[in-house]
Protein backbone atom coordinates (compact mmCIF):
# COMPACT_ATOMS: atom_id res chain seq x y z
CA MET A 1 243.24 129.33 269.53
CA ALA A 2 243.95 126.39 271.86
CA PRO A 3 247.61 125.52 272.50
CA LYS A 4 249.20 122.54 270.85
CA LEU A 5 248.58 119.13 272.39
CA PRO A 6 251.31 117.90 274.75
CA HIS A 7 252.81 115.48 272.22
CA GLU A 8 253.14 118.28 269.68
CA THR A 9 255.29 120.62 271.74
CA GLU A 10 258.15 120.67 274.25
CA THR A 11 256.05 122.83 276.58
CA LYS A 12 255.34 121.17 279.92
CA PHE A 13 251.75 120.85 281.16
CA LEU A 14 250.55 120.95 284.77
CA ILE A 15 247.45 118.97 285.71
CA TRP A 16 245.38 118.31 288.84
CA ALA A 17 243.36 115.16 288.32
CA GLY A 18 242.76 113.87 291.84
CA THR A 19 240.66 116.73 293.18
CA GLY A 20 238.20 114.48 295.02
CA THR A 21 240.25 114.18 298.19
CA ASP A 22 240.70 117.97 298.26
CA LEU A 23 236.94 118.38 298.03
CA ILE A 24 236.27 115.88 300.82
CA PHE A 25 239.04 116.58 303.32
CA ASN A 26 240.03 120.19 302.69
CA ARG A 27 236.72 121.73 301.57
CA ASN A 28 234.30 119.49 303.53
CA ILE A 29 232.18 118.65 300.50
CA GLU A 30 230.55 115.23 300.31
CA LEU A 31 230.93 113.24 297.10
CA PRO A 32 228.15 110.70 296.51
CA GLY A 33 229.89 107.45 295.69
CA PHE A 34 233.11 109.49 295.22
CA ALA A 35 231.58 111.08 292.11
CA SER A 36 232.28 114.78 291.48
CA PHE A 37 229.88 115.33 288.60
CA PRO A 38 226.74 115.71 290.80
CA LEU A 39 228.35 118.86 292.23
CA LEU A 40 227.71 120.55 288.89
CA GLU A 41 224.01 120.70 289.75
CA ARG A 42 224.35 123.09 292.72
CA ALA A 43 225.61 126.63 292.24
CA GLU A 44 227.80 126.67 295.34
CA THR A 45 229.59 123.38 294.62
CA ARG A 46 229.78 124.12 290.89
CA ALA A 47 231.70 127.26 291.82
CA VAL A 48 234.15 125.20 293.87
CA LEU A 49 234.84 122.87 290.92
CA LYS A 50 235.60 125.91 288.78
CA ASP A 51 237.72 127.55 291.49
CA GLN A 52 239.94 124.47 291.77
CA MET A 53 240.82 124.67 288.09
CA VAL A 54 241.23 128.46 288.20
CA GLU A 55 243.83 127.94 290.93
CA LEU A 56 245.56 125.35 288.73
CA THR A 57 245.69 127.55 285.64
CA GLY A 58 246.87 130.51 287.68
CA LEU A 59 249.77 128.54 289.13
CA ALA A 60 250.71 127.14 285.75
CA SER A 61 250.71 130.57 284.13
CA LYS A 62 252.80 132.01 286.95
CA MET A 63 255.39 129.25 286.49
CA GLY A 64 255.52 129.53 282.69
CA LEU A 65 253.72 126.22 282.18
CA ALA A 66 250.71 125.24 280.13
CA SER A 67 247.91 123.40 281.91
CA ILE A 68 245.21 120.80 281.31
CA VAL A 69 241.90 121.19 283.13
CA ASP A 70 239.91 117.98 283.55
CA ALA A 71 236.13 117.95 283.43
CA PRO A 72 234.78 116.21 286.58
CA THR A 73 233.37 113.29 284.60
CA TRP A 74 235.46 110.34 285.80
CA MET A 75 232.36 108.49 287.03
CA ALA A 76 229.88 109.94 284.55
CA ASN A 77 229.45 106.66 282.66
CA ALA A 78 226.49 104.33 282.52
CA LYS A 79 227.21 101.68 285.16
CA ARG A 80 228.81 103.92 287.76
CA ALA A 81 226.27 106.72 287.40
CA ALA A 82 223.25 104.40 287.45
CA ALA A 83 223.74 103.80 291.17
CA LEU A 84 223.35 107.56 291.67
CA GLY A 85 220.12 107.68 289.66
CA TYR A 86 221.36 109.04 286.33
CA ASP A 87 220.08 107.72 283.04
CA ALA A 88 221.60 108.04 279.56
CA THR A 89 219.88 111.33 278.73
CA GLN A 90 220.99 112.91 282.01
CA LEU A 91 224.55 111.66 281.51
CA ASP A 92 224.77 113.17 278.05
CA ALA A 93 223.68 116.53 279.45
CA ILE A 94 225.97 116.46 282.46
CA ASN A 95 229.03 115.38 280.46
CA GLN A 96 228.45 118.27 278.09
CA ASP A 97 227.86 120.68 280.99
CA ALA A 98 231.08 119.59 282.71
CA VAL A 99 233.12 120.25 279.58
CA ALA A 100 231.38 123.61 279.11
CA LEU A 101 232.40 124.66 282.63
CA MET A 102 236.02 123.79 281.93
CA CYS A 103 235.84 125.70 278.64
CA GLU A 104 234.88 128.74 280.75
CA VAL A 105 238.06 128.24 282.77
CA ARG A 106 240.13 127.89 279.61
CA ASP A 107 238.65 130.97 277.97
CA GLU A 108 239.13 133.13 281.08
CA ALA A 109 242.69 131.96 281.85
CA ALA A 110 245.81 133.99 281.13
CA GLY A 111 248.03 131.09 280.03
CA ASP A 112 247.79 128.18 277.61
CA VAL A 113 245.05 125.80 278.72
CA LEU A 114 243.60 122.62 277.25
CA VAL A 115 240.24 121.14 278.27
CA SER A 116 240.30 117.38 278.79
CA ALA A 117 237.27 115.20 279.39
CA CYS A 118 238.03 112.73 282.15
CA ILE A 119 236.98 109.19 281.19
CA GLY A 120 236.93 106.62 283.96
CA PRO A 121 236.70 102.81 283.86
CA ALA A 122 233.37 101.04 283.97
CA ARG A 123 234.19 99.37 287.30
CA ASP A 124 236.24 99.97 290.42
CA PRO A 125 239.82 100.27 289.13
CA TYR A 126 241.36 99.16 292.41
CA THR A 127 239.95 95.63 292.28
CA GLN A 128 240.52 92.68 290.00
CA GLU A 129 237.45 91.88 287.95
CA PRO A 130 236.99 89.89 284.74
CA PRO A 131 238.29 92.09 281.92
CA MET A 132 235.98 93.73 279.42
CA THR A 133 236.71 92.80 275.85
CA VAL A 134 237.91 95.54 273.54
CA GLU A 135 234.59 95.43 271.71
CA GLU A 136 232.56 95.65 274.93
CA ALA A 137 234.63 98.59 276.15
CA HIS A 138 234.36 100.35 272.79
CA ALA A 139 230.56 100.12 272.84
CA TYR A 140 230.34 101.01 276.53
CA HIS A 141 232.48 104.17 276.44
CA GLN A 142 231.35 105.50 273.03
CA PRO A 143 228.34 107.48 274.37
CA GLN A 144 230.43 109.44 276.89
CA VAL A 145 233.19 110.07 274.35
CA ASN A 146 230.60 111.36 271.88
CA SER A 147 229.09 113.66 274.51
CA VAL A 148 232.35 115.33 275.47
CA LYS A 149 233.44 115.62 271.84
CA THR A 150 230.18 117.40 271.03
CA ALA A 151 230.73 119.74 273.97
CA GLY A 152 234.08 120.91 272.59
CA ALA A 153 236.73 119.14 274.66
CA ASP A 154 240.24 119.54 273.26
CA LEU A 155 241.08 115.95 274.21
CA ALA A 156 240.07 113.18 276.59
CA THR A 157 242.09 111.36 279.23
CA ALA A 158 241.24 107.79 280.23
CA TYR A 159 242.33 107.86 283.86
CA THR A 160 243.00 105.02 286.30
CA PHE A 161 242.55 102.13 283.88
CA ASN A 162 243.84 98.76 285.06
CA GLN A 163 242.97 96.62 282.02
CA ALA A 164 244.65 97.02 278.67
CA SER A 165 241.60 95.66 276.85
CA GLU A 166 239.25 98.28 278.33
CA ALA A 167 241.78 101.02 277.61
CA ALA A 168 241.97 99.83 274.01
CA GLY A 169 238.19 100.01 273.76
CA VAL A 170 238.17 103.61 274.94
CA ALA A 171 240.92 104.41 272.45
CA ARG A 172 238.83 102.98 269.62
CA ALA A 173 235.84 105.04 270.78
CA ALA A 174 237.93 108.22 270.85
CA LYS A 175 239.35 107.49 267.40
CA GLN A 176 235.84 106.96 266.02
CA ALA A 177 234.77 110.31 267.50
CA GLY A 178 237.87 112.09 266.25
CA LEU A 179 238.96 113.05 269.77
CA PRO A 180 242.64 112.89 270.83
CA LEU A 181 243.08 110.55 273.81
CA ILE A 182 245.65 110.04 276.56
CA VAL A 183 245.54 106.67 278.34
CA SER A 184 246.64 106.73 281.98
CA PHE A 185 247.17 103.43 283.78
CA VAL A 186 247.01 102.89 287.53
CA VAL A 187 249.72 100.70 289.04
CA GLU A 188 250.26 98.98 292.37
CA THR A 189 253.16 99.42 294.78
CA ASP A 190 255.29 97.11 292.61
CA GLY A 191 254.83 99.34 289.56
CA ASN A 192 252.67 96.80 287.69
CA LEU A 193 248.97 96.77 286.89
CA ASN A 194 246.96 94.87 289.50
CA ASN A 195 246.78 91.79 287.25
CA GLY A 196 250.59 91.70 287.29
CA GLN A 197 251.05 93.08 283.77
CA ARG A 198 254.08 95.31 283.31
CA LEU A 199 253.38 98.91 282.36
CA ASP A 200 255.40 98.68 279.14
CA ASP A 201 253.52 95.54 278.16
CA ALA A 202 250.15 97.19 278.76
CA ILE A 203 251.20 100.13 276.57
CA SER A 204 252.37 97.78 273.83
CA GLU A 205 249.13 95.79 274.01
CA VAL A 206 246.92 98.85 273.64
CA ASP A 207 249.05 100.17 270.78
CA ALA A 208 248.80 96.80 269.01
CA LEU A 209 245.01 96.73 269.42
CA THR A 210 244.43 100.31 268.29
CA GLU A 211 247.10 101.04 265.68
CA ALA A 212 248.75 103.23 268.34
CA SER A 213 245.82 105.67 268.37
CA PRO A 214 246.36 107.15 271.90
CA ILE A 215 248.53 110.25 271.61
CA PHE A 216 250.58 108.94 274.56
CA TYR A 217 250.34 107.26 277.97
CA MET A 218 250.63 108.28 281.62
CA VAL A 219 250.62 106.77 285.10
CA ASN A 220 248.25 108.13 287.72
CA CYS A 221 247.00 107.46 291.26
CA ALA A 222 250.31 106.08 292.54
CA HIS A 223 253.23 107.52 294.48
CA PRO A 224 256.54 107.89 292.60
CA SER A 225 258.14 105.34 294.94
CA HIS A 226 255.67 102.74 293.62
CA PHE A 227 256.67 102.95 289.97
CA ARG A 228 260.03 104.75 289.77
CA SER A 229 262.02 101.56 289.34
CA SER A 230 259.62 100.13 286.74
CA LEU A 231 259.80 103.09 284.35
CA THR A 232 261.77 102.61 281.17
CA ASP A 233 262.73 105.03 278.42
CA ASN A 234 259.52 104.22 276.55
CA PRO A 235 258.84 107.34 274.45
CA ARG A 236 255.11 106.61 274.56
CA LEU A 237 255.05 107.25 278.33
CA ARG A 238 254.93 111.02 278.72
CA GLY A 239 253.22 111.87 281.98
CA VAL A 240 252.85 111.17 285.70
CA VAL A 241 249.95 112.24 287.91
CA VAL A 242 250.97 111.20 291.40
CA ASN A 243 249.43 110.49 294.79
CA ALA A 244 250.66 112.37 297.82
CA SER A 245 250.78 109.24 299.99
CA ARG A 246 253.09 106.25 299.82
CA CYS A 247 250.26 103.99 301.02
CA SER A 248 248.80 101.25 298.85
CA HIS A 249 245.32 101.59 297.37
CA GLU A 250 243.98 99.19 300.01
CA GLU A 251 245.50 101.25 302.82
CA LEU A 252 244.13 104.50 301.41
CA ASP A 253 240.69 102.97 300.98
CA GLU A 254 240.59 102.03 304.66
CA ALA A 255 242.00 105.34 305.94
CA ASP A 256 239.75 107.70 307.89
CA ALA A 257 242.06 110.70 307.56
CA LEU A 258 243.88 112.29 304.67
CA ASP A 259 247.53 111.34 304.20
CA ALA A 260 248.95 114.41 302.45
CA GLY A 261 252.53 113.12 302.54
CA ASP A 262 255.36 115.65 302.20
CA PRO A 263 254.77 118.25 299.45
CA GLU A 264 258.45 119.20 299.19
CA GLU A 265 259.56 115.58 298.95
CA LEU A 266 256.90 114.84 296.34
CA GLY A 267 258.03 117.82 294.29
CA ARG A 268 261.63 116.58 294.35
CA GLU A 269 260.59 113.07 293.33
CA VAL A 270 258.54 114.27 290.37
CA ALA A 271 261.40 116.50 289.24
CA GLU A 272 263.77 113.52 289.45
CA LEU A 273 261.43 111.50 287.21
CA PHE A 274 261.52 114.28 284.64
CA ALA A 275 265.31 114.49 284.83
CA PHE A 276 265.66 110.77 284.09
CA HIS A 277 262.86 110.58 281.50
CA PRO A 278 263.19 113.47 279.05
CA ALA A 279 260.11 112.40 277.07
CA MET A 280 257.90 113.46 280.00
CA THR A 281 255.79 116.54 279.33
CA VAL A 282 252.77 116.26 281.67
CA PHE A 283 252.84 116.14 285.47
CA GLY A 284 250.55 116.85 288.35
CA GLY A 285 248.65 115.64 291.36
CA CYS A 286 246.21 112.84 292.05
CA CYS A 287 244.75 111.66 295.39
CA GLY A 288 245.82 113.59 298.48
CA THR A 289 247.37 116.49 296.60
CA ASP A 290 246.49 120.16 296.78
CA MET A 291 248.07 123.42 295.70
CA ARG A 292 251.04 122.91 298.03
CA HIS A 293 252.04 119.75 296.18
CA LEU A 294 251.38 121.24 292.75
CA SER A 295 253.42 124.33 293.62
CA GLU A 296 256.40 122.22 294.72
CA MET A 297 256.21 120.05 291.62
CA ALA A 298 255.99 123.07 289.32
CA ARG A 299 258.82 124.91 291.05
CA ARG A 300 261.18 121.98 290.89
CA VAL A 301 260.32 120.75 287.39
CA VAL A 302 260.88 124.14 285.78
CA THR A 303 264.22 124.84 287.49
């Protein structure tokens, strides 16, 4: 039996969402268009994707934490996968295969593990583009949500969204499929979405558009120093998935080398966020992080 969802328990969950930089810089694996899902098609790289999550679940179990393993499907949606030559039939199969691989990890793990399908935005989340309407986003994301639901995901996480309207569309798609959904927004160095919207306001907007259907919200792909001062005691905000680097998205995009930051410092900063925001239950690493960062976060959050 799968463990309770994070909003149903006081158990803390460890997560490693930003595995792409680990694959590129630490494991020397090329990602076409920064997409991880094509790696599922080769035995040797498929094994690496599984090994990353086995490491995560092992650390979580050792530290007395539950964990969430994300299927590598962030870019496995129609527009972003089309450039890599994938059509709708292939995407359905690969989304289901990705979830199946993570179910293997869950079923072989010693601790409590949930399988989440990673849902990414339709366009580059680090740029400002005309927003999708809620209806457009609902129709666009429904096929992927249906695929991962069919494959047996415990939940889905909409990562790195920068538009409340698109996030609301995903939430409606997940509700229609009967799949629990976490919405995770990406913020800039000022703690706001890149259109200037405050995080609390984005959460309120999505809740108003969806009858509060997301189980809760998170922040990802930002360093704690970027959003620490903008966090409130909003009980709907229950997780942080942080970058290792203090650099802006523009600076990271232009960088030729990995900025892994300071794992010990990052662990302290995440623990401080949890101390000041008791509603938090999910934490972990995004871009630039590896097991050193996750170990420091876990050690400091649980003590």
